[in-house]
Amino acid sequence: MDLAYRDKAYEYAKRFESSYDDYDERYKLHNNPTVWRFMPLSDFQDLLETNALFFAKPDAFSDPLEGCSSMWNIEELRKKGERHNRTSRTYIRKIHEFSAVSSWHINDYEAAGMWDLYLKGNDGVAIKTTYENLLCSIKDLRYKIFSGKVQYIDFQKEMVSHSVYDTLFYKRKSYQHENELRLVIVASRIHAWKLQKLFEIQGISANQWQKRMDILEKRSYEFSHEHGNLLTCNLHQLINEIYVSPRSAQSCVDEVKALAKKHGLAYKKVTQSDLYRDYIY
């Protein structure tokens, strides 16, 4: 993080939070959909060993236009004789440094294309869960989780939100096959209401609440990695089922089962995907 941008990032974060609950219905998820996370075997092992989900900084995005203003936005500003700093990619990326993202695939069924997209080899794992279980599994008190369906638009003809952090929920139509649920954290944004309820349960006096929240807000700037942040989670709540890549050998299936057992998840169903299995009639 470039701390010279901290105050600017803080102001953007406050405005983003204030508008978050007023999002259009198209951003929101209903009926607790099934969501998936596809990952290499090494990432699955890291998840179990750290009991934490990795949120990546936006600079890790493969699409260079992701998180940027669209050409529509820029042309509209030009027509008005304006050219704001907020449309500069360099400026936006400096502000985005104070945020991190976790991406999930929304689908009732296993998606063949997601294995090819997220695995670098034959061995990999997909976690199957639900939207509510995913959100409730995150136990890191430093952050409020902002979640929403990614909006896939034509960057030449459609508008990206003017909010710097809201841009993280827009991608080009070329990526709409990902059907992505996105979780976003932003430094300085804590879940005050949730914390107050927790403090009440713990019997902490009200005159200590603000002091504790100030400490958590300060710690929200302490990312665990240069390119992202680990957020503590409850694996038992997060994971419903575990799928092993259809291209993996039996040895990989056995290794995944052994890892699950080692970390107290032996009761979770481990299944090797049969997407590429040939059926004989």
Protein backbone atom coordinates (compact mmCIF):
# COMPACT_ATOMS: atom_id res chain seq x y z
CA MET A 1 0.00 0.00 0.00
CA ASP A 2 1.13 3.51 -0.78
CA LEU A 3 0.23 5.27 2.47
CA ALA A 4 0.29 8.63 0.70
CA TYR A 5 -3.10 7.55 -0.70
CA ARG A 6 -4.49 6.37 2.63
CA ASP A 7 -6.71 9.40 3.30
CA LYS A 8 -8.11 9.34 -0.24
CA ALA A 9 -8.76 5.59 0.00
CA TYR A 10 -10.51 6.12 3.33
CA GLU A 11 -12.90 8.69 1.87
CA TYR A 12 -13.70 6.46 -1.11
CA ALA A 13 -14.26 3.53 1.25
CA LYS A 14 -16.73 5.50 3.38
CA ARG A 15 -18.74 6.55 0.33
CA PHE A 16 -18.68 3.01 -1.05
CA GLU A 17 -19.98 1.57 2.22
CA SER A 18 -22.76 4.15 2.46
CA SER A 19 -24.05 3.24 -1.00
CA TYR A 20 -23.54 -0.53 -0.69
CA ASP A 21 -26.91 -1.28 0.93
CA ASP A 22 -28.69 0.73 -1.75
CA TYR A 23 -27.37 -1.36 -4.64
CA ASP A 24 -29.73 -2.23 -7.43
CA GLU A 25 -31.34 -5.67 -7.06
CA ARG A 26 -29.23 -7.05 -9.89
CA TYR A 27 -26.18 -7.03 -7.60
CA LYS A 28 -27.78 -9.00 -4.81
CA LEU A 29 -28.00 -12.76 -4.40
CA HIS A 30 -31.24 -14.42 -3.38
CA ASN A 31 -32.29 -17.91 -2.29
CA ASN A 32 -28.82 -18.83 -0.98
CA PRO A 33 -27.28 -20.14 -4.24
CA THR A 34 -24.64 -22.86 -4.48
CA VAL A 35 -21.14 -21.47 -5.07
CA TRP A 36 -17.85 -23.09 -6.00
CA ARG A 37 -14.16 -22.32 -5.65
CA PHE A 38 -11.79 -24.16 -8.02
CA MET A 39 -8.12 -24.27 -7.05
CA PRO A 40 -4.84 -26.14 -7.48
CA LEU A 41 -4.12 -28.82 -4.89
CA SER A 42 -1.42 -26.65 -3.29
CA ASP A 43 -3.96 -23.87 -2.64
CA PHE A 44 -6.35 -26.34 -1.03
CA GLN A 45 -3.56 -27.52 1.24
CA ASP A 46 -2.75 -23.91 2.19
CA LEU A 47 -6.43 -23.29 2.99
CA LEU A 48 -6.53 -26.22 5.39
CA GLU A 49 -3.21 -25.41 7.04
CA THR A 50 -3.92 -21.71 7.58
CA ASN A 51 -7.67 -21.94 8.29
CA ALA A 52 -7.89 -18.81 6.18
CA LEU A 53 -9.24 -17.67 2.81
CA PHE A 54 -6.87 -15.75 0.59
CA PHE A 55 -8.20 -12.45 -0.81
CA ALA A 56 -6.13 -11.19 -3.75
CA LYS A 57 -5.38 -7.54 -4.43
CA PRO A 58 -6.92 -6.25 -7.68
CA ASP A 59 -3.47 -5.92 -9.27
CA ALA A 60 -3.58 -9.72 -9.64
CA PHE A 61 -6.47 -9.52 -12.16
CA SER A 62 -5.61 -11.03 -15.54
CA ASP A 63 -7.96 -8.66 -17.41
CA PRO A 64 -6.20 -5.27 -17.72
CA LEU A 65 -9.55 -3.44 -17.90
CA GLU A 66 -11.03 -5.00 -14.79
CA GLY A 67 -11.60 -2.44 -12.06
CA CYS A 68 -11.14 0.46 -14.49
CA SER A 69 -13.53 3.04 -15.88
CA SER A 70 -15.18 2.07 -19.15
CA MET A 71 -14.68 3.99 -22.38
CA TRP A 72 -18.30 5.12 -22.00
CA ASN A 73 -17.44 6.80 -18.68
CA ILE A 74 -14.38 8.49 -20.12
CA GLU A 75 -16.17 9.73 -23.23
CA GLU A 76 -18.98 11.17 -21.12
CA LEU A 77 -16.44 13.11 -19.04
CA ARG A 78 -14.75 14.39 -22.19
CA LYS A 79 -18.07 15.62 -23.58
CA LYS A 80 -18.55 17.62 -20.39
CA GLY A 81 -15.05 19.05 -20.67
CA GLU A 82 -13.94 17.09 -17.61
CA ARG A 83 -11.09 14.64 -17.09
CA HIS A 84 -11.03 13.55 -13.49
CA ASN A 85 -8.16 11.82 -11.72
CA ARG A 86 -10.54 9.02 -10.82
CA THR A 87 -10.50 7.69 -14.40
CA SER A 88 -6.70 7.32 -14.42
CA ARG A 89 -5.72 3.66 -14.16
CA THR A 90 -2.66 4.55 -12.10
CA TYR A 91 -4.77 6.50 -9.63
CA ILE A 92 -7.50 3.83 -9.38
CA ARG A 93 -4.94 1.10 -8.80
CA LYS A 94 -3.35 3.09 -5.99
CA ILE A 95 -6.75 3.25 -4.29
CA HIS A 96 -7.47 -0.42 -5.01
CA GLU A 97 -4.28 -1.34 -3.13
CA PHE A 98 -6.34 -0.92 0.04
CA SER A 99 -8.75 -3.67 -1.02
CA ALA A 100 -8.72 -7.39 -1.81
CA VAL A 101 -11.04 -9.82 -3.56
CA SER A 102 -12.19 -13.45 -3.26
CA SER A 103 -13.88 -14.89 -6.37
CA TRP A 104 -16.44 -17.72 -6.44
CA HIS A 105 -18.47 -19.36 -9.21
CA ILE A 106 -22.28 -19.38 -8.93
CA ASN A 107 -23.75 -22.59 -10.29
CA ASP A 108 -26.10 -25.34 -9.16
CA TYR A 109 -23.86 -27.81 -10.97
CA GLU A 110 -20.17 -28.45 -11.42
CA ALA A 111 -18.76 -26.43 -14.34
CA ALA A 112 -16.31 -28.10 -16.70
CA GLY A 113 -14.83 -24.81 -17.88
CA MET A 114 -13.86 -23.76 -14.36
CA TRP A 115 -11.45 -26.68 -14.01
CA ASP A 116 -9.62 -25.55 -17.15
CA LEU A 117 -9.65 -21.91 -16.03
CA TYR A 118 -8.24 -22.29 -12.53
CA LEU A 119 -6.04 -25.41 -12.68
CA LYS A 120 -2.51 -25.27 -14.05
CA GLY A 121 -2.19 -29.06 -14.20
CA ASN A 122 -4.23 -32.19 -13.69
CA ASP A 123 -4.48 -32.05 -9.91
CA GLY A 124 -6.94 -29.72 -8.25
CA VAL A 125 -9.89 -29.35 -5.93
CA ALA A 126 -13.26 -27.59 -6.00
CA ILE A 127 -14.99 -26.57 -2.80
CA LYS A 128 -18.77 -26.68 -2.98
CA THR A 129 -20.68 -24.55 -0.50
CA THR A 130 -23.52 -22.04 -0.28
CA TYR A 131 -23.47 -18.26 -0.32
CA GLU A 132 -24.63 -18.03 3.31
CA ASN A 133 -22.15 -20.64 4.55
CA LEU A 134 -19.35 -18.83 2.77
CA LEU A 135 -20.17 -15.48 4.36
CA CYS A 136 -20.80 -16.93 7.83
CA SER A 137 -17.56 -18.95 7.74
CA ILE A 138 -15.37 -15.83 7.65
CA LYS A 139 -14.39 -15.03 11.24
CA ASP A 140 -11.88 -12.22 10.73
CA LEU A 141 -13.22 -9.28 12.75
CA ARG A 142 -11.09 -6.67 10.93
CA TYR A 143 -13.39 -6.42 7.91
CA LYS A 144 -16.91 -5.98 6.70
CA ILE A 145 -17.48 -8.27 3.73
CA PHE A 146 -18.98 -6.61 0.65
CA SER A 147 -20.49 -9.20 -1.66
CA GLY A 148 -22.26 -9.09 -5.00
CA LYS A 149 -22.72 -10.65 -8.41
CA VAL A 150 -20.22 -9.33 -10.94
CA GLN A 151 -21.88 -7.25 -13.66
CA TYR A 152 -20.75 -8.11 -17.20
CA ILE A 153 -21.00 -5.12 -19.52
CA ASP A 154 -19.81 -3.75 -22.86
CA PHE A 155 -16.97 -1.43 -21.83
CA GLN A 156 -17.41 0.52 -25.07
CA LYS A 157 -21.13 1.22 -24.66
CA GLU A 158 -22.05 0.85 -20.99
CA MET A 159 -21.24 2.65 -17.77
CA VAL A 160 -19.11 1.40 -14.91
CA SER A 161 -20.07 2.88 -11.55
CA HIS A 162 -18.30 6.12 -10.66
CA SER A 163 -17.41 4.67 -7.23
CA VAL A 164 -13.76 3.57 -7.23
CA TYR A 165 -14.44 0.43 -5.18
CA ASP A 166 -17.69 -0.32 -6.96
CA THR A 167 -15.68 -0.78 -10.17
CA LEU A 168 -14.50 -4.07 -8.67
CA PHE A 169 -17.94 -5.52 -9.42
CA TYR A 170 -17.73 -4.91 -13.19
CA LYS A 171 -16.11 -7.03 -15.90
CA ARG A 172 -16.32 -7.28 -19.66
CA LYS A 173 -18.97 -9.48 -21.29
CA SER A 174 -16.20 -11.77 -22.54
CA TYR A 175 -15.94 -13.11 -18.97
CA GLN A 176 -19.60 -13.69 -18.25
CA HIS A 177 -19.14 -17.48 -18.42
CA GLU A 178 -17.47 -17.13 -15.01
CA ASN A 179 -20.82 -16.17 -13.41
CA GLU A 180 -18.85 -14.75 -10.53
CA LEU A 181 -19.76 -14.01 -6.96
CA ARG A 182 -17.24 -11.55 -5.62
CA LEU A 183 -16.35 -10.84 -1.99
CA VAL A 184 -14.48 -7.59 -1.37
CA ILE A 185 -12.73 -6.25 1.72
CA VAL A 186 -11.54 -2.66 2.09
CA ALA A 187 -9.11 -1.38 4.71
CA SER A 188 -10.84 0.75 7.40
CA ARG A 189 -14.27 -0.86 6.79
CA ILE A 190 -15.26 -2.92 9.84
CA HIS A 191 -18.70 -4.36 10.58
CA ALA A 192 -19.63 -2.09 13.50
CA TRP A 193 -23.11 -3.52 14.10
CA LYS A 194 -21.83 -7.10 14.06
CA LEU A 195 -19.01 -6.19 16.43
CA GLN A 196 -21.37 -4.50 18.88
CA LYS A 197 -23.52 -7.63 19.02
CA LEU A 198 -20.42 -9.73 19.61
CA PHE A 199 -19.21 -7.41 22.37
CA GLU A 200 -22.61 -7.67 24.05
CA ILE A 201 -22.45 -11.47 23.98
CA GLN A 202 -18.92 -11.38 25.40
CA GLY A 203 -20.04 -9.06 28.21
CA ILE A 204 -17.73 -6.22 27.17
CA SER A 205 -18.88 -2.87 28.55
CA ALA A 206 -20.19 -0.32 26.04
CA ASN A 207 -17.52 2.24 26.94
CA GLN A 208 -14.89 -0.21 25.58
CA TRP A 209 -16.59 -0.78 22.23
CA GLN A 210 -15.16 2.17 20.33
CA LYS A 211 -11.63 1.54 21.60
CA ARG A 212 -11.78 -2.07 20.40
CA MET A 213 -13.23 -1.07 17.03
CA ASP A 214 -10.50 1.55 16.59
CA ILE A 215 -7.89 -1.17 17.15
CA LEU A 216 -9.54 -3.45 14.58
CA GLU A 217 -9.77 -0.60 12.07
CA LYS A 218 -6.05 0.09 12.48
CA ARG A 219 -5.28 -3.61 11.99
CA SER A 220 -7.38 -3.68 8.81
CA TYR A 221 -4.47 -2.00 7.01
CA GLU A 222 -2.14 -4.88 7.92
CA PHE A 223 -2.35 -7.20 4.91
CA SER A 224 -0.60 -10.52 5.39
CA HIS A 225 0.89 -10.64 1.88
CA GLU A 226 2.22 -8.16 -0.66
CA HIS A 227 -0.42 -9.31 -3.13
CA GLY A 228 -3.32 -10.03 -0.80
CA ASN A 229 -4.62 -10.92 2.61
CA LEU A 230 -5.56 -14.02 4.59
CA LEU A 231 -8.89 -13.93 6.45
CA THR A 232 -9.52 -16.46 9.19
CA CYS A 233 -12.42 -18.79 8.45
CA ASN A 234 -14.24 -21.80 9.90
CA LEU A 235 -13.51 -24.69 7.54
CA HIS A 236 -16.31 -26.84 8.94
CA GLN A 237 -18.81 -24.15 8.03
CA LEU A 238 -17.19 -23.19 4.75
CA ILE A 239 -16.91 -26.61 3.13
CA ASN A 240 -19.99 -28.60 2.17
CA GLU A 241 -18.37 -31.01 -0.26
CA ILE A 242 -14.96 -31.48 -1.85
CA TYR A 243 -14.57 -32.38 -5.52
CA VAL A 244 -11.29 -33.62 -7.01
CA SER A 245 -10.43 -32.76 -10.61
CA PRO A 246 -11.70 -35.24 -13.21
CA ARG A 247 -8.16 -35.41 -14.62
CA SER A 248 -6.50 -36.28 -11.31
CA ALA A 249 -5.05 -39.73 -10.64
CA GLN A 250 -6.35 -41.86 -7.77
CA SER A 251 -3.26 -40.88 -5.78
CA CYS A 252 -4.52 -37.27 -5.74
CA VAL A 253 -7.95 -38.38 -4.51
CA ASP A 254 -6.24 -40.32 -1.72
CA GLU A 255 -4.11 -37.30 -0.83
CA VAL A 256 -7.16 -35.02 -0.62
CA LYS A 257 -8.92 -37.51 1.65
CA ALA A 258 -5.82 -37.72 3.84
CA LEU A 259 -5.62 -33.92 4.09
CA ALA A 260 -9.29 -33.72 5.02
CA LYS A 261 -8.81 -36.34 7.73
CA LYS A 262 -5.70 -34.62 9.07
CA HIS A 263 -7.60 -31.37 9.51
CA GLY A 264 -10.70 -32.88 11.09
CA LEU A 265 -12.78 -32.89 7.91
CA ALA A 266 -12.93 -36.64 7.33
CA TYR A 267 -16.74 -36.48 7.58
CA LYS A 268 -16.92 -34.17 4.56
CA LYS A 269 -17.76 -35.89 1.29
CA VAL A 270 -14.80 -36.16 -1.09
CA THR A 271 -15.77 -37.03 -4.66
CA GLN A 272 -13.74 -37.27 -7.83
CA SER A 273 -15.52 -35.48 -10.63
CA ASP A 274 -16.83 -37.81 -13.35
CA LEU A 275 -17.17 -35.09 -15.99
CA TYR A 276 -14.92 -36.87 -18.45
CA ARG A 277 -15.93 -40.43 -17.64
CA ASP A 278 -17.10 -42.38 -20.68
CA TYR A 279 -20.42 -44.16 -20.36
CA ILE A 280 -20.88 -47.42 -22.28
CA TYR A 281 -24.38 -48.16 -23.53
